[in-house]
């Protein structure tokens, strides 16, 4: 269970917008946009293959490990960014709030991409067999990358494997955002559409 509520700091609350539920059926992509909620992860998650409760993401504690794959098939781990201030955007190609915030994220990425103290990442859950996501939350890699290209984003798009990200972070809505301090501890984690000012505030709050 969460040891404490995962909420925004006062500087972020005023810009907290909307999110899509991750409860995506394999037969339909009809999603309802609703006010964002934080749900205790012990109620289950689509990415839980082992049957046990998902890990908790607790502000101030170490972020769970992530084992992802990039568009070229290279393995990527959160450990690869040790010592950096890390921002991760969890999204899906069918999620309208995700697409709406992408231009804002891209603007901020352009400001930070050459700053070696920061790492700016995004993660999706594709349904391609090679990723072994038992309960994939997105379309196939080709569709995801086509959406990314159409939206004009240039920040890295990484792919979940074996439902690792879904399970480790107890994802309940898209988009979701994770800010990790340079020592590997979680600074902030929340769900909901954000804008350029909100993201920059989160990045500047990293230690």
Protein backbone atom coordinates (compact mmCIF):
# COMPACT_ATOMS: atom_id res chain seq x y z
CA UNK A 1 0.00 0.00 0.00
CA UNK A 2 1.04 3.61 -0.39
CA UNK A 3 2.68 4.92 2.77
CA UNK A 4 1.39 8.38 2.02
CA UNK A 5 -0.73 10.10 -0.60
CA UNK A 6 1.06 10.90 -3.83
CA UNK A 7 0.03 14.49 -4.47
CA UNK A 8 1.44 17.58 -6.09
CA UNK A 9 3.20 20.27 -4.19
CA UNK A 10 1.44 23.62 -3.91
CA UNK A 11 3.31 25.02 -6.89
CA UNK A 12 1.91 22.29 -9.12
CA UNK A 13 -1.67 21.87 -7.89
CA UNK A 14 -3.09 24.82 -9.76
CA UNK A 15 -2.12 23.32 -13.12
CA UNK A 16 -3.36 19.78 -12.46
CA UNK A 17 -5.71 18.85 -15.29
CA UNK A 18 -7.17 15.59 -16.66
CA UNK A 19 -6.19 12.00 -17.29
CA UNK A 20 -7.43 8.80 -18.93
CA UNK A 21 -8.01 5.58 -17.01
CA UNK A 22 -5.67 2.69 -17.85
CA UNK A 23 -8.59 0.25 -17.65
CA UNK A 24 -8.39 -0.34 -21.40
CA UNK A 25 -10.19 -3.41 -22.70
CA UNK A 26 -8.49 -5.44 -25.41
CA UNK A 27 -11.69 -5.16 -27.44
CA UNK A 28 -12.18 -1.39 -27.26
CA UNK A 29 -10.28 1.86 -26.84
CA UNK A 30 -13.30 3.81 -25.67
CA UNK A 31 -11.94 5.71 -22.70
CA UNK A 32 -13.57 8.18 -20.34
CA UNK A 33 -11.69 11.30 -19.29
CA UNK A 34 -12.19 12.06 -15.63
CA UNK A 35 -10.74 13.98 -12.72
CA UNK A 36 -7.50 12.31 -11.71
CA UNK A 37 -7.43 10.06 -8.67
CA UNK A 38 -4.69 8.23 -6.85
CA UNK A 39 -5.68 4.63 -6.21
CA UNK A 40 -3.96 2.30 -3.78
CA UNK A 41 -2.03 -0.26 -5.85
CA UNK A 42 -3.11 -3.24 -3.75
CA UNK A 43 -6.41 -3.17 -5.64
CA UNK A 44 -4.67 -4.72 -8.63
CA UNK A 45 -3.20 -3.52 -11.92
CA UNK A 46 -3.36 -4.60 -15.51
CA UNK A 47 0.37 -5.27 -15.62
CA UNK A 48 0.53 -7.65 -12.68
CA UNK A 49 1.61 -10.99 -14.08
CA UNK A 50 2.63 -12.64 -10.85
CA UNK A 51 -0.62 -12.21 -8.93
CA UNK A 52 0.96 -10.31 -6.02
CA UNK A 53 0.28 -6.66 -5.24
CA UNK A 54 2.15 -4.05 -7.33
CA UNK A 55 5.01 -2.16 -5.76
CA UNK A 56 4.33 1.18 -4.14
CA UNK A 57 5.91 4.35 -5.44
CA UNK A 58 6.59 6.47 -2.38
CA UNK A 59 7.92 10.00 -2.43
CA UNK A 60 11.28 10.11 -0.68
CA UNK A 61 12.06 6.43 -1.27
CA UNK A 62 14.06 4.76 -4.03
CA UNK A 63 12.29 4.50 -7.37
CA UNK A 64 11.60 0.93 -8.52
CA UNK A 65 13.89 -0.40 -11.22
CA UNK A 66 12.70 -0.14 -14.81
CA UNK A 67 13.80 -2.44 -17.61
CA UNK A 68 12.69 -1.03 -20.93
CA UNK A 69 13.52 -1.25 -24.63
CA UNK A 70 14.14 1.57 -27.08
CA UNK A 71 12.83 1.77 -30.66
CA UNK A 72 15.94 -0.01 -31.95
CA UNK A 73 15.56 -2.98 -29.60
CA UNK A 74 18.26 -1.91 -27.14
CA UNK A 75 17.69 -2.67 -23.46
CA UNK A 76 17.37 0.45 -21.30
CA UNK A 77 17.43 0.49 -17.52
CA UNK A 78 16.70 3.24 -15.03
CA UNK A 79 20.16 2.47 -13.63
CA UNK A 80 21.61 3.83 -16.88
CA UNK A 81 20.65 7.31 -15.63
CA UNK A 82 22.19 7.01 -12.16
CA UNK A 83 23.26 10.41 -10.83
CA UNK A 84 20.88 12.31 -13.12
CA UNK A 85 17.63 14.10 -12.37
CA UNK A 86 15.09 11.99 -14.24
CA UNK A 87 11.64 12.84 -15.57
CA UNK A 88 9.46 10.04 -16.98
CA UNK A 89 6.17 10.53 -18.82
CA UNK A 90 3.94 7.44 -18.99
CA UNK A 91 1.50 7.74 -21.90
CA UNK A 92 -0.57 5.90 -24.51
CA UNK A 93 -1.17 6.67 -28.17
CA UNK A 94 -4.98 6.58 -27.74
CA UNK A 95 -5.00 8.97 -24.76
CA UNK A 96 -6.21 12.45 -25.76
CA UNK A 97 -4.76 14.26 -22.70
CA UNK A 98 -1.42 12.59 -23.48
CA UNK A 99 -1.46 13.94 -27.03
CA UNK A 100 -2.60 17.36 -25.86
CA UNK A 101 0.35 17.77 -23.49
CA UNK A 102 3.01 16.51 -25.89
CA UNK A 103 3.79 19.89 -27.49
CA UNK A 104 4.36 21.32 -23.99
CA UNK A 105 6.65 18.44 -23.07
CA UNK A 106 8.58 18.87 -26.31
CA UNK A 107 9.19 22.57 -25.63
CA UNK A 108 10.61 21.79 -22.21
CA UNK A 109 12.68 18.91 -23.62
CA UNK A 110 14.30 21.28 -26.10
CA UNK A 111 15.40 23.45 -23.18
CA UNK A 112 16.87 20.56 -21.19
CA UNK A 113 18.09 18.04 -23.77
CA UNK A 114 21.69 19.31 -23.69
CA UNK A 115 21.80 19.55 -19.89
CA UNK A 116 23.76 16.50 -18.78
CA UNK A 117 22.27 16.70 -15.28
CA UNK A 118 18.82 15.72 -16.60
CA UNK A 119 17.26 12.74 -18.36
CA UNK A 120 13.91 13.18 -20.10
CA UNK A 121 12.07 9.96 -20.98
CA UNK A 122 8.67 8.65 -22.01
CA UNK A 123 7.27 5.14 -21.65
CA UNK A 124 4.44 3.24 -23.36
CA UNK A 125 3.12 -0.32 -23.05
CA UNK A 126 2.99 -1.82 -26.58
CA UNK A 127 1.13 -4.99 -27.52
CA UNK A 128 3.80 -6.47 -29.82
CA UNK A 129 4.67 -10.05 -28.79
CA UNK A 130 8.38 -9.20 -28.50
CA UNK A 131 7.70 -6.98 -25.47
CA UNK A 132 5.87 -9.74 -23.55
CA UNK A 133 3.33 -7.38 -21.99
CA UNK A 134 0.57 -9.74 -20.87
CA UNK A 135 -1.83 -6.82 -20.45
CA UNK A 136 -0.52 -4.22 -22.87
CA UNK A 137 -2.05 -0.77 -22.45
CA UNK A 138 -1.20 0.59 -25.90
CA UNK A 139 -1.13 -0.30 -29.58
CA UNK A 140 1.82 -1.84 -31.43
CA UNK A 141 5.21 -0.14 -31.70
CA UNK A 142 4.61 1.00 -35.28
CA UNK A 143 1.40 2.79 -34.34
CA UNK A 144 2.97 4.36 -31.26
CA UNK A 145 5.95 5.71 -33.19
CA UNK A 146 3.66 7.01 -35.95
CA UNK A 147 1.72 8.99 -33.34
CA UNK A 148 4.96 10.29 -31.83
CA UNK A 149 6.20 11.40 -35.25
CA UNK A 150 2.88 13.04 -36.15
CA UNK A 151 2.86 14.93 -32.85
CA UNK A 152 6.40 16.12 -33.50
CA UNK A 153 8.08 14.90 -30.31
CA UNK A 154 11.80 14.20 -30.32
CA UNK A 155 12.31 13.09 -26.72
CA UNK A 156 13.05 9.35 -26.22
CA UNK A 157 10.13 6.91 -26.46
CA UNK A 158 10.79 3.71 -24.54
CA UNK A 159 8.73 0.53 -24.34
CA UNK A 160 7.66 -1.44 -21.30
CA UNK A 161 8.58 -5.13 -21.13
CA UNK A 162 6.77 -7.89 -19.21
CA UNK A 163 4.44 -5.24 -17.72
CA UNK A 164 7.38 -4.02 -15.62
CA UNK A 165 6.49 -0.31 -15.60
CA UNK A 166 2.78 -0.96 -15.12
CA UNK A 167 3.47 -3.28 -12.21
CA UNK A 168 6.27 -1.32 -10.55
CA UNK A 169 4.49 2.02 -10.62
CA UNK A 170 0.89 0.85 -10.19
CA UNK A 171 -0.26 2.93 -13.16
CA UNK A 172 -3.91 3.92 -12.93
CA UNK A 173 -4.15 6.72 -15.47
CA UNK A 174 -2.45 8.27 -18.50
CA UNK A 175 -0.63 10.50 -18.65
CA UNK A 176 1.33 9.85 -15.45
CA UNK A 177 4.51 11.64 -14.44
CA UNK A 178 7.46 10.60 -12.32
CA UNK A 179 10.21 12.95 -11.08
CA UNK A 180 13.30 11.22 -9.68
CA UNK A 181 16.08 12.99 -7.78
CA UNK A 182 19.73 12.43 -8.69
CA UNK A 183 20.11 10.05 -5.73
CA UNK A 184 17.42 7.79 -7.19
CA UNK A 185 14.67 8.77 -4.76
CA UNK A 186 11.18 9.70 -5.91
CA UNK A 187 10.53 13.43 -5.74
CA UNK A 188 6.99 13.56 -7.14
CA UNK A 189 4.62 11.17 -8.88
CA UNK A 190 1.17 12.06 -10.17
CA UNK A 191 -1.32 11.56 -12.98
CA UNK A 192 -2.92 14.20 -15.17
CA UNK A 193 -2.29 16.41 -18.17
CA UNK A 194 0.28 19.13 -17.55
CA UNK A 195 1.66 22.10 -19.41
CA UNK A 196 5.05 23.68 -19.95
CA UNK A 197 5.05 25.69 -16.71
CA UNK A 198 3.99 22.68 -14.64
CA UNK A 199 6.71 20.46 -16.05
CA UNK A 200 9.41 23.07 -15.56
CA UNK A 201 8.33 23.55 -11.97
CA UNK A 202 8.67 19.82 -11.41
CA UNK A 203 12.11 19.70 -12.99
CA UNK A 204 13.35 22.66 -10.99
CA UNK A 205 12.16 20.95 -7.83
CA UNK A 206 14.46 17.99 -8.38
CA UNK A 207 17.53 17.63 -6.18
